[in-house]
Amino acid sequence: MAKQHDNQRRVTGLERALTEVRANCTDEKLKSAHAERIEAQQHKVAERKRELQQDRQEGKDQEKIGKRERKLEEARQELKKLQAEPY
């Protein structure tokens, strides 16, 4: 499109971006980044579980416990979503 409209600055910028993507965006890097996101989300789920358990042990009110349960469920759903993605 940029070539059709003789926009050389845009063509140069797009070609540079494509070169960088080809050089830096490999399957291994994508898989590694995806694995890191999954691991971070697993830590978040574990943290939410600990918070919920602590609130239950301390006898916090049902509203607080319900809030922790919702946060835990959201974290679990996000983890499932990440695990279902190829990378």
PDB file of N, CA and C in Angstrom:
ATOM      1  N   MET A   1       0.833  -1.183   0.000  1.00  0.00           N
ATOM      2  CA  MET A   1       0.000   0.000   0.000  1.00  0.00           C
ATOM      3  C   MET A   1       0.881   1.252   0.000  1.00  0.00           C
ATOM      4  N   ALA A   2       1.897   1.239   0.868  1.00  0.00           N
ATOM      5  CA  ALA A   2       2.791   2.390   0.925  1.00  0.00           C
ATOM      6  C   ALA A   2       3.549   2.538  -0.389  1.00  0.00           C
ATOM      7  N   LYS A   3       3.914   1.403  -1.012  1.00  0.00           N
ATOM      8  CA  LYS A   3       4.611   1.468  -2.295  1.00  0.00           C
ATOM      9  C   LYS A   3       3.688   2.014  -3.382  1.00  0.00           C
ATOM     10  N   GLN A   4       2.430   1.623  -3.337  1.00  0.00           N
ATOM     11  CA  GLN A   4       1.472   2.080  -4.337  1.00  0.00           C
ATOM     12  C   GLN A   4       1.279   3.590  -4.270  1.00  0.00           C
ATOM     13  N   HIS A   5       1.377   4.136  -3.073  1.00  0.00           N
ATOM     14  CA  HIS A   5       1.175   5.574  -2.893  1.00  0.00           C
ATOM     15  C   HIS A   5       2.497   6.327  -2.868  1.00  0.00           C
ATOM     16  N   ASP A   6       3.569   5.633  -3.220  1.00  0.00           N
ATOM     17  CA  ASP A   6       4.902   6.224  -3.302  1.00  0.00           C
ATOM     18  C   ASP A   6       5.290   6.937  -2.004  1.00  0.00           C
ATOM     19  N   ASN A   7       5.042   6.270  -0.892  1.00  0.00           N
ATOM     20  CA  ASN A   7       5.384   6.811   0.425  1.00  0.00           C
ATOM     21  C   ASN A   7       6.661   6.109   0.892  1.00  0.00           C
ATOM     22  N   GLN A   8       7.805   6.610   0.441  1.00  0.00           N
ATOM     23  CA  GLN A   8       9.078   5.940   0.688  1.00  0.00           C
ATOM     24  C   GLN A   8       9.433   5.875   2.172  1.00  0.00           C
ATOM     25  N   ARG A   9       9.109   6.898   2.932  1.00  0.00           N
ATOM     26  CA  ARG A   9       9.413   6.876   4.367  1.00  0.00           C
ATOM     27  C   ARG A   9       8.655   5.744   5.049  1.00  0.00           C
ATOM     28  N   ARG A  10       7.422   5.574   4.675  1.00  0.00           N
ATOM     29  CA  ARG A  10       6.605   4.507   5.260  1.00  0.00           C
ATOM     30  C   ARG A  10       7.140   3.135   4.836  1.00  0.00           C
ATOM     31  N   VAL A  11       7.514   3.007   3.575  1.00  0.00           N
ATOM     32  CA  VAL A  11       8.074   1.755   3.066  1.00  0.00           C
ATOM     33  C   VAL A  11       9.336   1.405   3.845  1.00  0.00           C
ATOM     34  N   THR A  12      10.209   2.373   4.034  1.00  0.00           N
ATOM     35  CA  THR A  12      11.457   2.150   4.769  1.00  0.00           C
ATOM     36  C   THR A  12      11.172   1.712   6.203  1.00  0.00           C
ATOM     37  N   GLY A  13      10.249   2.372   6.857  1.00  0.00           N
ATOM     38  CA  GLY A  13       9.896   2.022   8.232  1.00  0.00           C
ATOM     39  C   GLY A  13       9.317   0.623   8.336  1.00  0.00           C
ATOM     40  N   LEU A  14       8.452   0.270   7.421  1.00  0.00           N
ATOM     41  CA  LEU A  14       7.847  -1.065   7.426  1.00  0.00           C
ATOM     42  C   LEU A  14       8.883  -2.150   7.135  1.00  0.00           C
ATOM     43  N   GLU A  15       9.789  -1.872   6.206  1.00  0.00           N
ATOM     44  CA  GLU A  15      10.836  -2.849   5.898  1.00  0.00           C
ATOM     45  C   GLU A  15      11.761  -3.049   7.096  1.00  0.00           C
ATOM     46  N   ARG A  16      12.090  -1.980   7.805  1.00  0.00           N
ATOM     47  CA  ARG A  16      12.932  -2.080   8.995  1.00  0.00           C
ATOM     48  C   ARG A  16      12.222  -2.896  10.075  1.00  0.00           C
ATOM     49  N   ALA A  17      10.939  -2.628  10.271  1.00  0.00           N
ATOM     50  CA  ALA A  17      10.169  -3.371  11.272  1.00  0.00           C
ATOM     51  C   ALA A  17      10.108  -4.854  10.918  1.00  0.00           C
ATOM     52  N   LEU A  18       9.914  -5.165   9.655  1.00  0.00           N
ATOM     53  CA  LEU A  18       9.860  -6.559   9.220  1.00  0.00           C
ATOM     54  C   LEU A  18      11.200  -7.255   9.441  1.00  0.00           C
ATOM     55  N   THR A  19      12.282  -6.568   9.154  1.00  0.00           N
ATOM     56  CA  THR A  19      13.618  -7.128   9.379  1.00  0.00           C
ATOM     57  C   THR A  19      13.831  -7.439  10.851  1.00  0.00           C
ATOM     58  N   GLU A  20      13.420  -6.535  11.726  1.00  0.00           N
ATOM     59  CA  GLU A  20      13.571  -6.745  13.169  1.00  0.00           C
ATOM     60  C   GLU A  20      12.711  -7.911  13.653  1.00  0.00           C
ATOM     61  N   VAL A  21      11.508  -8.019  13.137  1.00  0.00           N
ATOM     62  CA  VAL A  21      10.631  -9.126  13.525  1.00  0.00           C
ATOM     63  C   VAL A  21      11.247 -10.452  13.096  1.00  0.00           C
ATOM     64  N   ARG A  22      11.734 -10.508  11.891  1.00  0.00           N
ATOM     65  CA  ARG A  22      12.347 -11.751  11.402  1.00  0.00           C
ATOM     66  C   ARG A  22      13.583 -12.122  12.218  1.00  0.00           C
ATOM     67  N   ALA A  23      14.327 -11.126  12.662  1.00  0.00           N
ATOM     68  CA  ALA A  23      15.554 -11.389  13.417  1.00  0.00           C
ATOM     69  C   ALA A  23      15.274 -11.745  14.869  1.00  0.00           C
ATOM     70  N   ASN A  24      14.254 -11.157  15.458  1.00  0.00           N
ATOM     71  CA  ASN A  24      14.051 -11.280  16.903  1.00  0.00           C
ATOM     72  C   ASN A  24      12.838 -12.080  17.334  1.00  0.00           C
ATOM     73  N   CYS A  25      11.978 -12.433  16.441  1.00  0.00           N
ATOM     74  CA  CYS A  25      10.733 -13.102  16.819  1.00  0.00           C
ATOM     75  C   CYS A  25      10.763 -14.547  16.324  1.00  0.00           C
ATOM     76  N   THR A  26      11.351 -15.416  17.141  1.00  0.00           N
ATOM     77  CA  THR A  26      11.450 -16.824  16.761  1.00  0.00           C
ATOM     78  C   THR A  26      10.428 -17.636  17.547  1.00  0.00           C
ATOM     79  N   ASP A  27      10.177 -18.842  17.076  1.00  0.00           N
ATOM     80  CA  ASP A  27       9.253 -19.732  17.785  1.00  0.00           C
ATOM     81  C   ASP A  27       9.730 -19.995  19.201  1.00  0.00           C
ATOM     82  N   GLU A  28      11.040 -20.189  19.360  1.00  0.00           N
ATOM     83  CA  GLU A  28      11.579 -20.471  20.692  1.00  0.00           C
ATOM     84  C   GLU A  28      11.346 -19.303  21.641  1.00  0.00           C
ATOM     85  N   LYS A  29      11.550 -18.089  21.152  1.00  0.00           N
ATOM     86  CA  LYS A  29      11.323 -16.913  22.002  1.00  0.00           C
ATOM     87  C   LYS A  29       9.850 -16.787  22.363  1.00  0.00           C
ATOM     88  N   LEU A  30       8.982 -17.054  21.403  1.00  0.00           N
ATOM     89  CA  LEU A  30       7.548 -16.986  21.676  1.00  0.00           C
ATOM     90  C   LEU A  30       7.135 -18.044  22.688  1.00  0.00           C
ATOM     91  N   LYS A  31       7.648 -19.262  22.514  1.00  0.00           N
ATOM     92  CA  LYS A  31       7.327 -20.341  23.453  1.00  0.00           C
ATOM     93  C   LYS A  31       7.844 -20.016  24.847  1.00  0.00           C
ATOM     94  N   SER A  32       9.041 -19.468  24.911  1.00  0.00           N
ATOM     95  CA  SER A  32       9.634 -19.113  26.200  1.00  0.00           C
ATOM     96  C   SER A  32       8.818 -18.025  26.896  1.00  0.00           C
ATOM     97  N   ALA A  33       8.433 -17.012  26.156  1.00  0.00           N
ATOM     98  CA  ALA A  33       7.631 -15.926  26.732  1.00  0.00           C
ATOM     99  C   ALA A  33       6.282 -16.452  27.207  1.00  0.00           C
ATOM    100  N   HIS A  34       5.696 -17.355  26.437  1.00  0.00           N
ATOM    101  CA  HIS A  34       4.405 -17.932  26.813  1.00  0.00           C
ATOM    102  C   HIS A  34       4.540 -18.763  28.085  1.00  0.00           C
ATOM    103  N   ALA A  35       5.612 -19.541  28.167  1.00  0.00           N
ATOM    104  CA  ALA A  35       5.854 -20.349  29.367  1.00  0.00           C
ATOM    105  C   ALA A  35       6.035 -19.453  30.594  1.00  0.00           C
ATOM    106  N   GLU A  36       6.695 -18.324  30.417  1.00  0.00           N
ATOM    107  CA  GLU A  36       6.874 -17.376  31.525  1.00  0.00           C
ATOM    108  C   GLU A  36       5.536 -16.805  31.980  1.00  0.00           C
ATOM    109  N   ARG A  37       4.659 -16.487  31.029  1.00  0.00           N
ATOM    110  CA  ARG A  37       3.333 -15.963  31.388  1.00  0.00           C
ATOM    111  C   ARG A  37       2.529 -17.012  32.151  1.00  0.00           C
ATOM    112  N   ILE A  38       2.624 -18.263  31.717  1.00  0.00           N
ATOM    113  CA  ILE A  38       1.919 -19.346  32.414  1.00  0.00           C
ATOM    114  C   ILE A  38       2.460 -19.497  33.829  1.00  0.00           C
ATOM    115  N   GLU A  39       3.770 -19.484  33.965  1.00  0.00           N
ATOM    116  CA  GLU A  39       4.380 -19.625  35.293  1.00  0.00           C
ATOM    117  C   GLU A  39       3.964 -18.476  36.214  1.00  0.00           C
ATOM    118  N   ALA A  40       3.964 -17.271  35.689  1.00  0.00           N
ATOM    119  CA  ALA A  40       3.550 -16.118  36.493  1.00  0.00           C
ATOM    120  C   ALA A  40       2.097 -16.263  36.933  1.00  0.00           C
ATOM    121  N   GLN A  41       1.249 -16.757  36.041  1.00  0.00           N
ATOM    122  CA  GLN A  41      -0.159 -16.933  36.386  1.00  0.00           C
ATOM    123  C   GLN A  41      -0.333 -18.053  37.404  1.00  0.00           C
ATOM    124  N   GLN A  42       0.482 -19.091  37.313  1.00  0.00           N
ATOM    125  CA  GLN A  42       0.433 -20.162  38.312  1.00  0.00           C
ATOM    126  C   GLN A  42       0.794 -19.618  39.694  1.00  0.00           C
ATOM    127  N   HIS A  43       1.768 -18.731  39.736  1.00  0.00           N
ATOM    128  CA  HIS A  43       2.136 -18.105  41.011  1.00  0.00           C
ATOM    129  C   HIS A  43       0.983 -17.252  41.542  1.00  0.00           C
ATOM    130  N   LYS A  44       0.307 -16.579  40.625  1.00  0.00           N
ATOM    131  CA  LYS A  44      -0.824 -15.749  41.033  1.00  0.00           C
ATOM    132  C   LYS A  44      -1.941 -16.610  41.617  1.00  0.00           C
ATOM    133  N   VAL A  45      -2.219 -17.747  40.985  1.00  0.00           N
ATOM    134  CA  VAL A  45      -3.246 -18.663  41.498  1.00  0.00           C
ATOM    135  C   VAL A  45      -2.855 -19.146  42.892  1.00  0.00           C
ATOM    136  N   ALA A  46      -1.596 -19.524  43.057  1.00  0.00           N
ATOM    137  CA  ALA A  46      -1.129 -20.000  44.364  1.00  0.00           C
ATOM    138  C   ALA A  46      -1.255 -18.899  45.420  1.00  0.00           C
ATOM    139  N   GLU A  47      -0.930 -17.675  45.038  1.00  0.00           N
ATOM    140  CA  GLU A  47      -1.048 -16.552  45.971  1.00  0.00           C
ATOM    141  C   GLU A  47      -2.506 -16.323  46.365  1.00  0.00           C
ATOM    142  N   ARG A  48      -3.392 -16.381  45.390  1.00  0.00           N
ATOM    143  CA  ARG A  48      -4.822 -16.202  45.676  1.00  0.00           C
ATOM    144  C   ARG A  48      -5.334 -17.303  46.609  1.00  0.00           C
ATOM    145  N   LYS A  49      -4.858 -18.529  46.409  1.00  0.00           N
ATOM    146  CA  LYS A  49      -5.255 -19.634  47.293  1.00  0.00           C
ATOM    147  C   LYS A  49      -4.793 -19.365  48.723  1.00  0.00           C
ATOM    148  N   ARG A  50      -3.545 -18.908  48.863  1.00  0.00           N
ATOM    149  CA  ARG A  50      -3.014 -18.611  50.200  1.00  0.00           C
ATOM    150  C   ARG A  50      -3.820 -17.506  50.877  1.00  0.00           C
ATOM    151  N   GLU A  51      -4.145 -16.467  50.120  1.00  0.00           N
ATOM    152  CA  GLU A  51      -4.922 -15.361  50.686  1.00  0.00           C
ATOM    153  C   GLU A  51      -6.294 -15.838  51.154  1.00  0.00           C
ATOM    154  N   LEU A  52      -6.937 -16.652  50.339  1.00  0.00           N
ATOM    155  CA  LEU A  52      -8.253 -17.182  50.691  1.00  0.00           C
ATOM    156  C   LEU A  52      -8.164 -18.056  51.937  1.00  0.00           C
ATOM    157  N   GLN A  53      -7.191 -18.942  51.962  1.00  0.00           N
ATOM    158  CA  GLN A  53      -7.018 -19.828  53.115  1.00  0.00           C
ATOM    159  C   GLN A  53      -6.753 -19.020  54.387  1.00  0.00           C
ATOM    160  N   GLN A  54      -5.935 -17.994  54.271  1.00  0.00           N
ATOM    161  CA  GLN A  54      -5.623 -17.157  55.429  1.00  0.00           C
ATOM    162  C   GLN A  54      -6.880 -16.453  55.943  1.00  0.00           C
ATOM    163  N   ASP A  55      -7.668 -15.913  55.031  1.00  0.00           N
ATOM    164  CA  ASP A  55      -8.908 -15.245  55.442  1.00  0.00           C
ATOM    165  C   ASP A  55      -9.856 -16.218  56.131  1.00  0.00           C
ATOM    166  N   ARG A  56      -9.928 -17.434  55.615  1.00  0.00           N
ATOM    167  CA  ARG A  56     -10.797 -18.440  56.243  1.00  0.00           C
ATOM    168  C   ARG A  56     -10.293 -18.793  57.640  1.00  0.00           C
ATOM    169  N   GLN A  57      -8.988 -18.956  57.784  1.00  0.00           N
ATOM    170  CA  GLN A  57      -8.416 -19.301  59.089  1.00  0.00           C
ATOM    171  C   GLN A  57      -8.609 -18.177  60.101  1.00  0.00           C
ATOM    172  N   GLU A  58      -8.551 -16.943  59.618  1.00  0.00           N
ATOM    173  CA  GLU A  58      -8.706 -15.796  60.509  1.00  0.00           C
ATOM    174  C   GLU A  58     -10.171 -15.496  60.801  1.00  0.00           C
ATOM    175  N   GLY A  59     -11.064 -16.214  60.147  1.00  0.00           N
ATOM    176  CA  GLY A  59     -12.486 -16.020  60.388  1.00  0.00           C
ATOM    177  C   GLY A  59     -13.034 -14.717  59.831  1.00  0.00           C
ATOM    178  N   LYS A  60     -12.493 -14.294  58.704  1.00  0.00           N
ATOM    179  CA  LYS A  60     -12.969 -13.056  58.075  1.00  0.00           C
ATOM    180  C   LYS A  60     -14.430 -13.215  57.663  1.00  0.00           C
ATOM    181  N   ASP A  61     -15.084 -12.084  57.426  1.00  0.00           N
ATOM    182  CA  ASP A  61     -16.505 -12.140  57.066  1.00  0.00           C
ATOM    183  C   ASP A  61     -16.705 -12.728  55.668  1.00  0.00           C
ATOM    184  N   GLN A  62     -17.919 -13.158  55.400  1.00  0.00           N
ATOM    185  CA  GLN A  62     -18.251 -13.835  54.147  1.00  0.00           C
ATOM    186  C   GLN A  62     -18.028 -12.937  52.934  1.00  0.00           C
ATOM    187  N   GLU A  63     -18.229 -11.651  53.099  1.00  0.00           N
ATOM    188  CA  GLU A  63     -18.025 -10.733  51.978  1.00  0.00           C
ATOM    189  C   GLU A  63     -16.558 -10.755  51.541  1.00  0.00           C
ATOM    190  N   LYS A  64     -15.666 -10.692  52.514  1.00  0.00           N
ATOM    191  CA  LYS A  64     -14.229 -10.721  52.227  1.00  0.00           C
ATOM    192  C   LYS A  64     -13.835 -12.070  51.611  1.00  0.00           C
ATOM    193  N   ILE A  65     -14.349 -13.148  52.165  1.00  0.00           N
ATOM    194  CA  ILE A  65     -14.044 -14.484  51.643  1.00  0.00           C
ATOM    195  C   ILE A  65     -14.599 -14.637  50.225  1.00  0.00           C
ATOM    196  N   GLY A  66     -15.801 -14.141  50.001  1.00  0.00           N
ATOM    197  CA  GLY A  66     -16.391 -14.195  48.662  1.00  0.00           C
ATOM    198  C   GLY A  66     -15.554 -13.446  47.641  1.00  0.00           C
ATOM    199  N   LYS A  67     -15.031 -12.302  48.052  1.00  0.00           N
ATOM    200  CA  LYS A  67     -14.177 -11.511  47.168  1.00  0.00           C
ATOM    201  C   LYS A  67     -12.913 -12.295  46.822  1.00  0.00           C
ATOM    202  N   ARG A  68     -12.319 -12.942  47.814  1.00  0.00           N
ATOM    203  CA  ARG A  68     -11.112 -13.750  47.581  1.00  0.00           C
ATOM    204  C   ARG A  68     -11.423 -14.940  46.671  1.00  0.00           C
ATOM    205  N   GLU A  69     -12.588 -15.551  46.853  1.00  0.00           N
ATOM    206  CA  GLU A  69     -12.980 -16.679  46.005  1.00  0.00           C
ATOM    207  C   GLU A  69     -13.132 -16.241  44.553  1.00  0.00           C
ATOM    208  N   ARG A  70     -13.731 -15.073  44.340  1.00  0.00           N
ATOM    209  CA  ARG A  70     -13.892 -14.554  42.978  1.00  0.00           C
ATOM    210  C   ARG A  70     -12.530 -14.269  42.339  1.00  0.00           C
ATOM    211  N   LYS A  71     -11.633 -13.675  43.113  1.00  0.00           N
ATOM    212  CA  LYS A  71     -10.301 -13.382  42.578  1.00  0.00           C
ATOM    213  C   LYS A  71      -9.558 -14.671  42.225  1.00  0.00           C
ATOM    214  N   LEU A  72      -9.704 -15.683  43.064  1.00  0.00           N
ATOM    215  CA  LEU A  72      -9.073 -16.973  42.786  1.00  0.00           C
ATOM    216  C   LEU A  72      -9.652 -17.576  41.513  1.00  0.00           C
ATOM    217  N   GLU A  73     -10.950 -17.531  41.365  1.00  0.00           N
ATOM    218  CA  GLU A  73     -11.587 -18.094  40.170  1.00  0.00           C
ATOM    219  C   GLU A  73     -11.150 -17.337  38.915  1.00  0.00           C
ATOM    220  N   GLU A  74     -11.044 -16.013  38.999  1.00  0.00           N
ATOM    221  CA  GLU A  74     -10.570 -15.229  37.855  1.00  0.00           C
ATOM    222  C   GLU A  74      -9.147 -15.632  37.483  1.00  0.00           C
ATOM    223  N   ALA A  75      -8.294 -15.811  38.482  1.00  0.00           N
ATOM    224  CA  ALA A  75      -6.910 -16.209  38.227  1.00  0.00           C
ATOM    225  C   ALA A  75      -6.863 -17.599  37.598  1.00  0.00           C
ATOM    226  N   ARG A  76      -7.704 -18.507  38.066  1.00  0.00           N
ATOM    227  CA  ARG A  76      -7.751 -19.860  37.487  1.00  0.00           C
ATOM    228  C   ARG A  76      -8.216 -19.822  36.030  1.00  0.00           C
ATOM    229  N   GLN A  77      -9.220 -19.010  35.752  1.00  0.00           N
ATOM    230  CA  GLN A  77      -9.727 -18.904  34.382  1.00  0.00           C
ATOM    231  C   GLN A  77      -8.654 -18.338  33.453  1.00  0.00           C
ATOM    232  N   GLU A  78      -7.936 -17.335  33.922  1.00  0.00           N
ATOM    233  CA  GLU A  78      -6.857 -16.755  33.120  1.00  0.00           C
ATOM    234  C   GLU A  78      -5.774 -17.803  32.860  1.00  0.00           C
ATOM    235  N   LEU A  79      -5.461 -18.604  33.862  1.00  0.00           N
ATOM    236  CA  LEU A  79      -4.466 -19.667  33.698  1.00  0.00           C
ATOM    237  C   LEU A  79      -4.946 -20.687  32.664  1.00  0.00           C
ATOM    238  N   LYS A  80      -6.202 -21.095  32.741  1.00  0.00           N
ATOM    239  CA  LYS A  80      -6.748 -22.043  31.753  1.00  0.00           C
ATOM    240  C   LYS A  80      -6.659 -21.470  30.347  1.00  0.00           C
ATOM    241  N   LYS A  81      -6.973 -20.189  30.232  1.00  0.00           N
ATOM    242  CA  LYS A  81      -6.923 -19.524  28.932  1.00  0.00           C
ATOM    243  C   LYS A  81      -5.498 -19.545  28.380  1.00  0.00           C
ATOM    244  N   LEU A  82      -4.533 -19.203  29.225  1.00  0.00           N
ATOM    245  CA  LEU A  82      -3.138 -19.209  28.787  1.00  0.00           C
ATOM    246  C   LEU A  82      -2.683 -20.609  28.392  1.00  0.00           C
ATOM    247  N   GLN A  83      -3.079 -21.604  29.172  1.00  0.00           N
ATOM    248  CA  GLN A  83      -2.668 -22.977  28.888  1.00  0.00           C
ATOM    249  C   GLN A  83      -3.299 -23.503  27.603  1.00  0.00           C
ATOM    250  N   ALA A  84      -4.450 -22.983  27.236  1.00  0.00           N
ATOM    251  CA  ALA A  84      -5.130 -23.428  26.019  1.00  0.00           C
ATOM    252  C   ALA A  84      -4.527 -22.800  24.761  1.00  0.00           C
ATOM    253  N   GLU A  85      -3.850 -21.672  24.926  1.00  0.00           N
ATOM    254  CA  GLU A  85      -3.242 -21.000  23.782  1.00  0.00           C
ATOM    255  C   GLU A  85      -1.994 -21.756  23.344  1.00  0.00           C
ATOM    256  N   PRO A  86      -1.746 -21.831  22.041  1.00  0.00           N
ATOM    257  CA  PRO A  86      -0.553 -22.548  21.579  1.00  0.00           C
ATOM    258  C   PRO A  86       0.739 -21.867  22.029  1.00  0.00           C
ATOM    259  N   TYR A  87       0.811 -20.575  21.924  1.00  0.00           N
ATOM    260  CA  TYR A  87       1.881 -19.707  22.403  1.00  0.00           C
ATOM    261  C   TYR A  87       1.820 -18.417  21.753  1.00  0.00           C
TER     262      TYR A  87
END
